Amino acid sequence: MALDDIILEAEDKMIKSEEVVQHGFSGIRTGKASPVLVENITAEVYGSHMRIRELAGITTPEPRMIVITPWDVNSVHPIEKAIQKSSLGINPSIQGKTIRLVLPELSTERRHELVKLAHKLAEEGRVAIRHIRRDAIEAIRKEGKVGGVAQDQVDTAEKEIQKLTDQYTAKIDTHLAAKEKEIMTV
């Protein structure tokens, strides 16, 4: 494998790690309603587990309300149970064929807990990026010994990997700062 291929593969993995962190941030509740909060919760319907987004339409008619309208009336109660079991901490109310979730105002203590959760997700992303860096540098050094690549090319490739690592770690830090600000905004 050429050094350029190793660098490109490492960058692809770093991009995916950043996307995982962003997706994790989207599931953290802030003061306003978002369909992302409930769309990946799984409900047991017809003997199999399905995500709510596959079972119903999800809308946010008001800033602090989520309305879930199941396509099949029989899935209303399984969706309600799934939301109750989730970590959202919200009790759904059924009104006819729809489920309403009213998001209460977040307490300062709860906001700090959510910020800690965001920091944890960001750190997991940074760790993943450092693992990618380690694996890429090992592959580059191995390629340098086995493939007969000049040492200055190996050094240049290692510097490029470090530059990518710094770049994607900074992106995660930027996403974290934005999410922290969003959580703490009352």
N, C-alpha and C. Protein backbone atom coordinates (compact mmCIF):
# COMPACT_ATOMS: atom_id res chain seq x y z
N MET A 1 0.85 -1.19 0.00
CA MET A 1 0.00 0.00 0.00
C MET A 1 0.89 1.25 0.00
N ALA A 2 0.59 2.16 -0.89
CA ALA A 2 1.39 3.38 -0.99
C ALA A 2 1.10 4.32 0.19
N LEU A 3 2.05 5.20 0.47
CA LEU A 3 1.90 6.13 1.58
C LEU A 3 0.67 7.03 1.39
N ASP A 4 0.43 7.47 0.15
CA ASP A 4 -0.74 8.32 -0.11
C ASP A 4 -2.04 7.58 0.21
N ASP A 5 -2.08 6.29 -0.11
CA ASP A 5 -3.29 5.51 0.20
C ASP A 5 -3.52 5.40 1.70
N ILE A 6 -2.45 5.25 2.45
CA ILE A 6 -2.54 5.16 3.91
C ILE A 6 -3.09 6.48 4.46
N ILE A 7 -2.58 7.59 3.94
CA ILE A 7 -3.03 8.91 4.40
C ILE A 7 -4.50 9.12 4.05
N LEU A 8 -4.90 8.78 2.83
CA LEU A 8 -6.30 8.95 2.41
C LEU A 8 -7.24 8.08 3.25
N GLU A 9 -6.83 6.85 3.50
CA GLU A 9 -7.64 5.95 4.31
C GLU A 9 -7.80 6.50 5.74
N ALA A 10 -6.70 7.01 6.29
CA ALA A 10 -6.76 7.60 7.64
C ALA A 10 -7.69 8.80 7.65
N GLU A 11 -7.63 9.64 6.61
CA GLU A 11 -8.51 10.81 6.57
C GLU A 11 -9.97 10.40 6.47
N ASP A 12 -10.27 9.38 5.67
CA ASP A 12 -11.65 8.88 5.57
C ASP A 12 -12.16 8.42 6.94
N LYS A 13 -11.31 7.70 7.66
CA LYS A 13 -11.72 7.21 8.98
C LYS A 13 -11.93 8.38 9.95
N MET A 14 -11.09 9.40 9.84
CA MET A 14 -11.23 10.57 10.72
C MET A 14 -12.53 11.32 10.41
N ILE A 15 -12.87 11.42 9.14
CA ILE A 15 -14.13 12.05 8.74
C ILE A 15 -15.31 11.29 9.35
N LYS A 16 -15.25 9.96 9.28
CA LYS A 16 -16.32 9.15 9.85
C LYS A 16 -16.41 9.32 11.37
N SER A 17 -15.26 9.42 12.02
CA SER A 17 -15.26 9.63 13.48
C SER A 17 -15.91 10.96 13.82
N GLU A 18 -15.60 11.99 13.04
CA GLU A 18 -16.22 13.30 13.27
C GLU A 18 -17.73 13.22 13.08
N GLU A 19 -18.17 12.49 12.05
CA GLU A 19 -19.61 12.34 11.80
C GLU A 19 -20.30 11.60 12.94
N VAL A 20 -19.64 10.60 13.50
CA VAL A 20 -20.21 9.87 14.64
C VAL A 20 -20.40 10.81 15.83
N VAL A 21 -19.42 11.65 16.08
CA VAL A 21 -19.53 12.61 17.18
C VAL A 21 -20.69 13.58 16.93
N GLN A 22 -20.79 14.10 15.70
CA GLN A 22 -21.87 15.02 15.38
C GLN A 22 -23.23 14.35 15.55
N HIS A 23 -23.33 13.09 15.12
CA HIS A 23 -24.59 12.37 15.27
C HIS A 23 -24.91 12.17 16.75
N GLY A 24 -23.89 11.88 17.55
CA GLY A 24 -24.10 11.73 18.99
C GLY A 24 -24.58 13.03 19.62
N PHE A 25 -24.01 14.16 19.17
CA PHE A 25 -24.43 15.47 19.67
C PHE A 25 -25.89 15.75 19.31
N SER A 26 -26.32 15.31 18.13
CA SER A 26 -27.69 15.60 17.72
C SER A 26 -28.71 14.90 18.61
N GLY A 27 -28.30 13.83 19.27
CA GLY A 27 -29.21 13.12 20.16
C GLY A 27 -29.26 13.67 21.57
N ILE A 28 -28.41 14.66 21.86
CA ILE A 28 -28.41 15.26 23.19
C ILE A 28 -29.46 16.37 23.22
N ARG A 29 -30.31 16.29 24.19
CA ARG A 29 -31.43 17.22 24.29
C ARG A 29 -30.96 18.62 24.67
N THR A 30 -31.52 19.60 23.99
CA THR A 30 -31.28 20.99 24.36
C THR A 30 -32.61 21.57 24.80
N GLY A 31 -32.71 22.85 24.93
CA GLY A 31 -33.93 23.49 25.38
C GLY A 31 -35.05 23.45 24.36
N LYS A 32 -34.73 23.14 23.09
CA LYS A 32 -35.77 23.15 22.07
C LYS A 32 -36.00 21.74 21.52
N ALA A 33 -37.21 21.53 21.01
CA ALA A 33 -37.59 20.22 20.48
C ALA A 33 -36.93 19.98 19.13
N SER A 34 -36.57 18.72 18.89
CA SER A 34 -35.99 18.31 17.62
C SER A 34 -36.40 16.87 17.36
N PRO A 35 -36.80 16.54 16.14
CA PRO A 35 -37.18 15.16 15.83
C PRO A 35 -36.04 14.16 16.06
N VAL A 36 -34.81 14.64 15.99
CA VAL A 36 -33.65 13.76 16.18
C VAL A 36 -33.66 13.12 17.57
N LEU A 37 -34.28 13.78 18.54
CA LEU A 37 -34.31 13.25 19.91
C LEU A 37 -34.99 11.90 19.98
N VAL A 38 -36.01 11.67 19.15
CA VAL A 38 -36.79 10.43 19.26
C VAL A 38 -36.69 9.52 18.05
N GLU A 39 -36.15 9.98 16.94
CA GLU A 39 -36.23 9.19 15.72
C GLU A 39 -35.48 7.86 15.79
N ASN A 40 -34.44 7.76 16.60
CA ASN A 40 -33.68 6.51 16.66
C ASN A 40 -34.06 5.61 17.83
N ILE A 41 -35.07 5.99 18.60
CA ILE A 41 -35.56 5.13 19.68
C ILE A 41 -36.26 3.94 19.02
N THR A 42 -35.97 2.73 19.50
CA THR A 42 -36.58 1.56 18.89
C THR A 42 -37.78 1.09 19.70
N ALA A 43 -38.83 0.73 18.97
CA ALA A 43 -40.05 0.21 19.58
C ALA A 43 -40.29 -1.19 19.05
N GLU A 44 -40.84 -2.05 19.90
CA GLU A 44 -41.13 -3.41 19.46
C GLU A 44 -42.54 -3.45 18.87
N VAL A 45 -42.58 -3.62 17.55
CA VAL A 45 -43.85 -3.64 16.83
C VAL A 45 -43.86 -4.87 15.92
N TYR A 46 -44.94 -5.61 15.95
CA TYR A 46 -45.10 -6.80 15.11
C TYR A 46 -43.96 -7.81 15.31
N GLY A 47 -43.48 -7.93 16.51
CA GLY A 47 -42.44 -8.90 16.83
C GLY A 47 -41.03 -8.52 16.44
N SER A 48 -40.83 -7.31 15.95
CA SER A 48 -39.46 -6.89 15.62
C SER A 48 -39.24 -5.47 16.14
N HIS A 49 -37.99 -5.09 16.28
CA HIS A 49 -37.64 -3.76 16.78
C HIS A 49 -37.45 -2.82 15.58
N MET A 50 -38.17 -1.72 15.62
CA MET A 50 -38.08 -0.73 14.54
C MET A 50 -37.90 0.65 15.15
N ARG A 51 -37.20 1.52 14.42
CA ARG A 51 -37.02 2.89 14.88
C ARG A 51 -38.32 3.66 14.71
N ILE A 52 -38.50 4.66 15.57
CA ILE A 52 -39.73 5.45 15.51
C ILE A 52 -39.85 6.15 14.16
N ARG A 53 -38.72 6.59 13.58
CA ARG A 53 -38.81 7.27 12.28
C ARG A 53 -39.33 6.36 11.18
N GLU A 54 -39.22 5.02 11.37
CA GLU A 54 -39.75 4.07 10.40
C GLU A 54 -41.22 3.77 10.64
N LEU A 55 -41.72 4.16 11.82
CA LEU A 55 -43.09 3.84 12.20
C LEU A 55 -44.04 5.03 12.15
N ALA A 56 -43.49 6.24 12.14
CA ALA A 56 -44.36 7.41 12.31
C ALA A 56 -43.73 8.67 11.72
N GLY A 57 -44.60 9.65 11.54
CA GLY A 57 -44.13 10.98 11.17
C GLY A 57 -43.82 11.75 12.44
N ILE A 58 -42.71 12.48 12.44
CA ILE A 58 -42.29 13.22 13.63
C ILE A 58 -42.22 14.70 13.26
N THR A 59 -42.95 15.52 14.01
CA THR A 59 -42.95 16.97 13.75
C THR A 59 -42.73 17.74 15.04
N THR A 60 -42.35 19.00 14.91
CA THR A 60 -42.20 19.89 16.06
C THR A 60 -43.02 21.14 15.80
N PRO A 61 -44.31 21.10 16.14
CA PRO A 61 -45.18 22.25 15.87
C PRO A 61 -44.88 23.46 16.75
N GLU A 62 -44.29 23.23 17.91
CA GLU A 62 -43.94 24.31 18.82
C GLU A 62 -42.49 24.11 19.26
N PRO A 63 -41.82 25.15 19.75
CA PRO A 63 -40.41 25.03 20.12
C PRO A 63 -40.12 23.97 21.18
N ARG A 64 -41.09 23.64 22.04
CA ARG A 64 -40.82 22.66 23.09
C ARG A 64 -41.77 21.47 23.02
N MET A 65 -42.27 21.15 21.82
CA MET A 65 -43.20 20.02 21.69
C MET A 65 -42.84 19.18 20.46
N ILE A 66 -42.87 17.86 20.65
CA ILE A 66 -42.69 16.92 19.55
C ILE A 66 -43.99 16.16 19.39
N VAL A 67 -44.47 16.05 18.17
CA VAL A 67 -45.69 15.30 17.89
C VAL A 67 -45.31 14.12 17.00
N ILE A 68 -45.69 12.92 17.45
CA ILE A 68 -45.41 11.70 16.71
C ILE A 68 -46.75 11.15 16.22
N THR A 69 -46.88 10.99 14.92
CA THR A 69 -48.11 10.47 14.33
C THR A 69 -47.80 9.13 13.66
N PRO A 70 -48.10 8.01 14.33
CA PRO A 70 -47.82 6.70 13.75
C PRO A 70 -48.66 6.46 12.49
N TRP A 71 -48.07 5.75 11.53
CA TRP A 71 -48.80 5.44 10.31
C TRP A 71 -49.82 4.33 10.56
N ASP A 72 -49.55 3.50 11.56
CA ASP A 72 -50.48 2.44 11.95
C ASP A 72 -50.92 2.71 13.38
N VAL A 73 -52.22 2.77 13.60
CA VAL A 73 -52.77 3.08 14.92
C VAL A 73 -52.32 2.06 15.97
N ASN A 74 -52.08 0.81 15.55
CA ASN A 74 -51.69 -0.25 16.49
C ASN A 74 -50.30 -0.03 17.07
N SER A 75 -49.51 0.86 16.49
CA SER A 75 -48.15 1.07 17.00
C SER A 75 -48.07 2.24 17.98
N VAL A 76 -49.19 2.86 18.32
CA VAL A 76 -49.19 3.99 19.25
C VAL A 76 -48.65 3.58 20.62
N HIS A 77 -49.18 2.51 21.19
CA HIS A 77 -48.77 2.11 22.54
C HIS A 77 -47.34 1.56 22.58
N PRO A 78 -46.89 0.75 21.60
CA PRO A 78 -45.47 0.35 21.63
C PRO A 78 -44.51 1.54 21.53
N ILE A 79 -44.86 2.56 20.76
CA ILE A 79 -44.01 3.75 20.66
C ILE A 79 -44.00 4.48 22.00
N GLU A 80 -45.16 4.57 22.64
CA GLU A 80 -45.24 5.22 23.96
C GLU A 80 -44.34 4.50 24.97
N LYS A 81 -44.41 3.17 24.98
CA LYS A 81 -43.58 2.39 25.92
C LYS A 81 -42.09 2.59 25.63
N ALA A 82 -41.73 2.62 24.36
CA ALA A 82 -40.32 2.80 23.99
C ALA A 82 -39.80 4.16 24.45
N ILE A 83 -40.63 5.18 24.34
CA ILE A 83 -40.21 6.53 24.77
C ILE A 83 -40.07 6.57 26.29
N GLN A 84 -40.98 5.90 27.00
CA GLN A 84 -40.90 5.86 28.46
C GLN A 84 -39.64 5.15 28.93
N LYS A 85 -39.22 4.10 28.21
CA LYS A 85 -38.03 3.34 28.58
C LYS A 85 -36.74 4.05 28.18
N SER A 86 -36.82 5.01 27.27
CA SER A 86 -35.62 5.69 26.79
C SER A 86 -35.04 6.61 27.87
N SER A 87 -33.88 7.16 27.58
CA SER A 87 -33.20 8.03 28.55
C SER A 87 -33.65 9.48 28.44
N LEU A 88 -34.69 9.76 27.68
CA LEU A 88 -35.16 11.14 27.52
C LEU A 88 -35.73 11.72 28.81
N GLY A 89 -36.37 10.88 29.60
CA GLY A 89 -36.96 11.37 30.85
C GLY A 89 -38.22 12.19 30.61
N ILE A 90 -38.95 11.85 29.54
CA ILE A 90 -40.18 12.56 29.21
C ILE A 90 -41.32 11.55 29.17
N ASN A 91 -42.45 11.93 29.76
CA ASN A 91 -43.61 11.05 29.75
C ASN A 91 -44.53 11.47 28.60
N PRO A 92 -44.72 10.59 27.60
CA PRO A 92 -45.56 10.95 26.46
C PRO A 92 -47.04 10.94 26.82
N SER A 93 -47.82 11.76 26.12
CA SER A 93 -49.28 11.74 26.30
C SER A 93 -49.91 11.39 24.97
N ILE A 94 -50.85 10.46 25.02
CA ILE A 94 -51.52 10.01 23.80
C ILE A 94 -52.82 10.81 23.66
N GLN A 95 -53.00 11.38 22.49
CA GLN A 95 -54.23 12.10 22.19
C GLN A 95 -54.75 11.57 20.87
N GLY A 96 -55.68 10.62 20.96
CA GLY A 96 -56.23 9.99 19.76
C GLY A 96 -55.19 9.13 19.09
N LYS A 97 -54.82 9.51 17.86
CA LYS A 97 -53.85 8.72 17.09
C LYS A 97 -52.45 9.32 17.15
N THR A 98 -52.27 10.35 17.95
CA THR A 98 -50.96 11.00 18.03
C THR A 98 -50.38 10.92 19.44
N ILE A 99 -49.07 11.03 19.48
CA ILE A 99 -48.34 11.04 20.76
C ILE A 99 -47.68 12.41 20.86
N ARG A 100 -47.90 13.07 21.99
CA ARG A 100 -47.29 14.39 22.21
C ARG A 100 -46.25 14.30 23.31
N LEU A 101 -45.12 14.93 23.05
CA LEU A 101 -44.05 15.02 24.04
C LEU A 101 -43.80 16.50 24.31
N VAL A 102 -44.09 16.92 25.52
CA VAL A 102 -43.82 18.31 25.90
C VAL A 102 -42.50 18.31 26.66
N LEU A 103 -41.54 19.04 26.11
CA LEU A 103 -40.22 19.09 26.73
C LEU A 103 -40.23 20.13 27.84
N PRO A 104 -39.98 19.72 29.07
CA PRO A 104 -39.95 20.69 30.15
C PRO A 104 -38.69 21.55 30.05
N GLU A 105 -38.73 22.67 30.70
CA GLU A 105 -37.56 23.55 30.76
C GLU A 105 -36.45 22.80 31.49
N LEU A 106 -35.24 22.87 30.96
CA LEU A 106 -34.11 22.17 31.57
C LEU A 106 -33.62 22.93 32.80
N SER A 107 -33.37 22.19 33.88
CA SER A 107 -32.79 22.82 35.07
C SER A 107 -31.30 23.04 34.82
N THR A 108 -30.71 23.89 35.61
CA THR A 108 -29.27 24.16 35.47
C THR A 108 -28.47 22.89 35.71
N GLU A 109 -28.89 22.12 36.69
CA GLU A 109 -28.21 20.86 37.00
C GLU A 109 -28.26 19.90 35.80
N ARG A 110 -29.43 19.78 35.17
CA ARG A 110 -29.59 18.90 34.02
C ARG A 110 -28.75 19.40 32.84
N ARG A 111 -28.69 20.70 32.67
CA ARG A 111 -27.87 21.27 31.59
C ARG A 111 -26.39 20.89 31.79
N HIS A 112 -25.92 20.95 33.04
CA HIS A 112 -24.53 20.58 33.32
C HIS A 112 -24.30 19.09 33.05
N GLU A 113 -25.28 18.26 33.37
CA GLU A 113 -25.16 16.82 33.07
C GLU A 113 -25.06 16.60 31.56
N LEU A 114 -25.87 17.33 30.78
CA LEU A 114 -25.83 17.19 29.33
C LEU A 114 -24.51 17.68 28.76
N VAL A 115 -23.95 18.74 29.35
CA VAL A 115 -22.64 19.23 28.90
C VAL A 115 -21.57 18.16 29.17
N LYS A 116 -21.66 17.51 30.34
CA LYS A 116 -20.70 16.43 30.64
C LYS A 116 -20.83 15.31 29.63
N LEU A 117 -22.06 14.97 29.25
CA LEU A 117 -22.29 13.93 28.25
C LEU A 117 -21.68 14.34 26.91
N ALA A 118 -21.84 15.60 26.54
CA ALA A 118 -21.26 16.09 25.29
C ALA A 118 -19.73 16.02 25.34
N HIS A 119 -19.15 16.37 26.48
CA HIS A 119 -17.68 16.28 26.63
C HIS A 119 -17.22 14.83 26.50
N LYS A 120 -17.99 13.91 27.06
CA LYS A 120 -17.65 12.48 26.99
C LYS A 120 -17.66 12.02 25.53
N LEU A 121 -18.70 12.39 24.78
CA LEU A 121 -18.78 12.02 23.37
C LEU A 121 -17.63 12.61 22.57
N ALA A 122 -17.29 13.86 22.86
CA ALA A 122 -16.18 14.52 22.16
C ALA A 122 -14.86 13.81 22.46
N GLU A 123 -14.66 13.44 23.72
CA GLU A 123 -13.42 12.75 24.08
C GLU A 123 -13.34 11.39 23.40
N GLU A 124 -14.47 10.68 23.31
CA GLU A 124 -14.47 9.40 22.59
C GLU A 124 -14.08 9.61 21.13
N GLY A 125 -14.56 10.70 20.53
CA GLY A 125 -14.19 11.01 19.14
C GLY A 125 -12.72 11.33 19.00
N ARG A 126 -12.18 12.11 19.96
CA ARG A 126 -10.75 12.44 19.91
C ARG A 126 -9.90 11.18 20.08
N VAL A 127 -10.32 10.29 20.98
CA VAL A 127 -9.59 9.04 21.19
C VAL A 127 -9.61 8.19 19.91
N ALA A 128 -10.77 8.13 19.26
CA ALA A 128 -10.87 7.37 18.01
C ALA A 128 -9.92 7.94 16.96
N ILE A 129 -9.83 9.26 16.88
CA ILE A 129 -8.93 9.89 15.91
C ILE A 129 -7.48 9.59 16.25
N ARG A 130 -7.14 9.59 17.54
CA ARG A 130 -5.76 9.25 17.93
C ARG A 130 -5.44 7.80 17.61
N HIS A 131 -6.41 6.91 17.74
CA HIS A 131 -6.18 5.50 17.37
C HIS A 131 -5.94 5.39 15.86
N ILE A 132 -6.70 6.15 15.09
CA ILE A 132 -6.51 6.14 13.64
C ILE A 132 -5.11 6.64 13.31
N ARG A 133 -4.66 7.70 14.01
CA ARG A 133 -3.31 8.24 13.79
C ARG A 133 -2.27 7.17 14.09
N ARG A 134 -2.42 6.50 15.24
CA ARG A 134 -1.46 5.47 15.63
C ARG A 134 -1.37 4.36 14.57
N ASP A 135 -2.55 3.88 14.13
CA ASP A 135 -2.57 2.81 13.13
C ASP A 135 -1.94 3.25 11.82
N ALA A 136 -2.23 4.49 11.40
CA ALA A 136 -1.68 5.00 10.15
C ALA A 136 -0.16 5.16 10.23
N ILE A 137 0.33 5.65 11.35
CA ILE A 137 1.78 5.83 11.49
C ILE A 137 2.48 4.46 11.51
N GLU A 138 1.86 3.48 12.18
CA GLU A 138 2.43 2.12 12.16
C GLU A 138 2.49 1.59 10.74
N ALA A 139 1.40 1.80 9.97
CA ALA A 139 1.37 1.33 8.59
C ALA A 139 2.42 2.04 7.73
N ILE A 140 2.60 3.33 7.98
CA ILE A 140 3.60 4.10 7.22
C ILE A 140 5.01 3.59 7.53
N ARG A 141 5.29 3.37 8.81
CA ARG A 141 6.63 2.88 9.19
C ARG A 141 6.88 1.48 8.62
N LYS A 142 5.84 0.65 8.65
CA LYS A 142 5.95 -0.71 8.10
C LYS A 142 6.22 -0.63 6.60
N GLU A 143 5.49 0.25 5.92
CA GLU A 143 5.68 0.44 4.48
C GLU A 143 7.09 0.97 4.20
N GLY A 144 7.61 1.82 5.09
CA GLY A 144 8.95 2.35 4.92
C GLY A 144 10.01 1.27 5.01
N LYS A 145 9.82 0.29 5.91
CA LYS A 145 10.81 -0.79 6.07
C LYS A 145 10.68 -1.83 4.97
N VAL A 146 9.43 -2.24 4.70
CA VAL A 146 9.19 -3.32 3.75
C VAL A 146 9.25 -2.83 2.31
N GLY A 147 8.65 -1.67 2.05
CA GLY A 147 8.52 -1.18 0.68
C GLY A 147 9.72 -0.43 0.15
N GLY A 148 10.72 -0.23 0.98
CA GLY A 148 11.90 0.48 0.52
C GLY A 148 11.65 1.96 0.24
N VAL A 149 10.77 2.57 1.02
CA VAL A 149 10.47 3.99 0.85
C VAL A 149 11.52 4.79 1.61
N ALA A 150 11.92 5.90 1.03
CA ALA A 150 12.94 6.76 1.65
C ALA A 150 12.44 7.30 2.98
N GLN A 151 13.38 7.49 3.92
CA GLN A 151 13.03 7.93 5.27
C GLN A 151 12.38 9.32 5.27
N ASP A 152 12.85 10.21 4.36
CA ASP A 152 12.25 11.54 4.33
C ASP A 152 10.79 11.49 3.87
N GLN A 153 10.43 10.53 3.00
CA GLN A 153 9.03 10.36 2.60
C GLN A 153 8.19 9.84 3.77
N VAL A 154 8.77 8.94 4.54
CA VAL A 154 8.08 8.41 5.73
C VAL A 154 7.84 9.55 6.72
N ASP A 155 8.86 10.37 6.95
CA ASP A 155 8.72 11.51 7.89
C ASP A 155 7.66 12.49 7.41
N THR A 156 7.66 12.78 6.11
CA THR A 156 6.67 13.70 5.55
C THR A 156 5.25 13.13 5.72
N ALA A 157 5.09 11.83 5.47
CA ALA A 157 3.78 11.19 5.62
C ALA A 157 3.33 11.22 7.08
N GLU A 158 4.25 11.00 8.01
CA GLU A 158 3.90 11.05 9.44
C GLU A 158 3.45 12.46 9.83
N LYS A 159 4.14 13.47 9.30
CA LYS A 159 3.74 14.85 9.59
C LYS A 159 2.36 15.15 9.02
N GLU A 160 2.07 14.60 7.83
CA GLU A 160 0.76 14.80 7.21
C GLU A 160 -0.34 14.16 8.07
N ILE A 161 -0.08 12.96 8.59
CA ILE A 161 -1.04 12.28 9.47
C ILE A 161 -1.25 13.11 10.73
N GLN A 162 -0.19 13.65 11.30
CA GLN A 162 -0.33 14.48 12.51
C GLN A 162 -1.13 15.74 12.22
N LYS A 163 -0.91 16.33 11.04
CA LYS A 163 -1.65 17.52 10.65
C LYS A 163 -3.15 17.19 10.54
N LEU A 164 -3.48 16.04 9.94
CA LEU A 164 -4.88 15.62 9.84
C LEU A 164 -5.48 15.39 11.22
N THR A 165 -4.70 14.76 12.10
CA THR A 165 -5.16 14.51 13.46
C THR A 165 -5.50 15.81 14.17
N ASP A 166 -4.60 16.79 14.08
CA ASP A 166 -4.84 18.09 14.70
C ASP A 166 -6.08 18.77 14.11
N GLN A 167 -6.22 18.65 12.78
CA GLN A 167 -7.34 19.28 12.09
C GLN A 167 -8.68 18.69 12.55
N TYR A 168 -8.79 17.37 12.61
CA TYR A 168 -10.06 16.74 12.98
C TYR A 168 -10.34 16.84 14.48
N THR A 169 -9.30 16.87 15.28
CA THR A 169 -9.50 17.10 16.72
C THR A 169 -10.04 18.51 16.95
N ALA A 170 -9.51 19.48 16.20
CA ALA A 170 -9.99 20.86 16.32
C ALA A 170 -11.45 20.97 15.87
N LYS A 171 -11.82 20.22 14.82
CA LYS A 171 -13.22 20.24 14.36
C LYS A 171 -14.15 19.70 15.45
N ILE A 172 -13.74 18.62 16.11
CA ILE A 172 -14.56 18.06 17.19
C ILE A 172 -14.68 19.08 18.32
N ASP A 173 -13.58 19.76 18.65
CA ASP A 173 -13.62 20.79 19.69
C ASP A 173 -14.58 21.92 19.31
N THR A 174 -14.60 22.29 18.03
CA THR A 174 -15.51 23.34 17.55
C THR A 174 -16.97 22.89 17.70
N HIS A 175 -17.24 21.64 17.30
CA HIS A 175 -18.60 21.11 17.44
C HIS A 175 -19.01 21.06 18.92
N LEU A 176 -18.06 20.68 19.77
CA LEU A 176 -18.34 20.61 21.21
C LEU A 176 -18.68 21.99 21.77
N ALA A 177 -17.90 22.99 21.40
CA ALA A 177 -18.17 24.35 21.89
C ALA A 177 -19.54 24.83 21.45
N ALA A 178 -19.91 24.54 20.20
CA ALA A 178 -21.22 24.95 19.71
C ALA A 178 -22.34 24.23 20.45
N LYS A 179 -22.17 22.93 20.69
CA LYS A 179 -23.20 22.16 21.38
C LYS A 179 -23.31 22.61 22.84
N GLU A 180 -22.17 22.89 23.46
CA GLU A 180 -22.19 23.35 24.85
C GLU A 180 -22.94 24.68 24.95
N LYS A 181 -22.68 25.58 24.01
CA LYS A 181 -23.38 26.86 24.01
C LYS A 181 -24.88 26.66 23.81
N GLU A 182 -25.24 25.75 22.90
CA GLU A 182 -26.65 25.46 22.64
C GLU A 182 -27.35 24.89 23.86
N ILE A 183 -26.67 24.01 24.59
CA ILE A 183 -27.25 23.40 25.79
C ILE A 183 -27.43 24.44 26.89
N MET A 184 -26.45 25.30 27.07
CA MET A 184 -26.48 26.24 28.19
C MET A 184 -27.36 27.47 27.92
N THR A 185 -27.77 27.68 26.66
CA THR A 185 -28.65 28.81 26.34
C THR A 185 -30.03 28.55 26.89
N VAL A 186 -30.53 29.46 27.68
CA VAL A 186 -31.84 29.29 28.30
C VAL A 186 -32.92 29.84 27.40
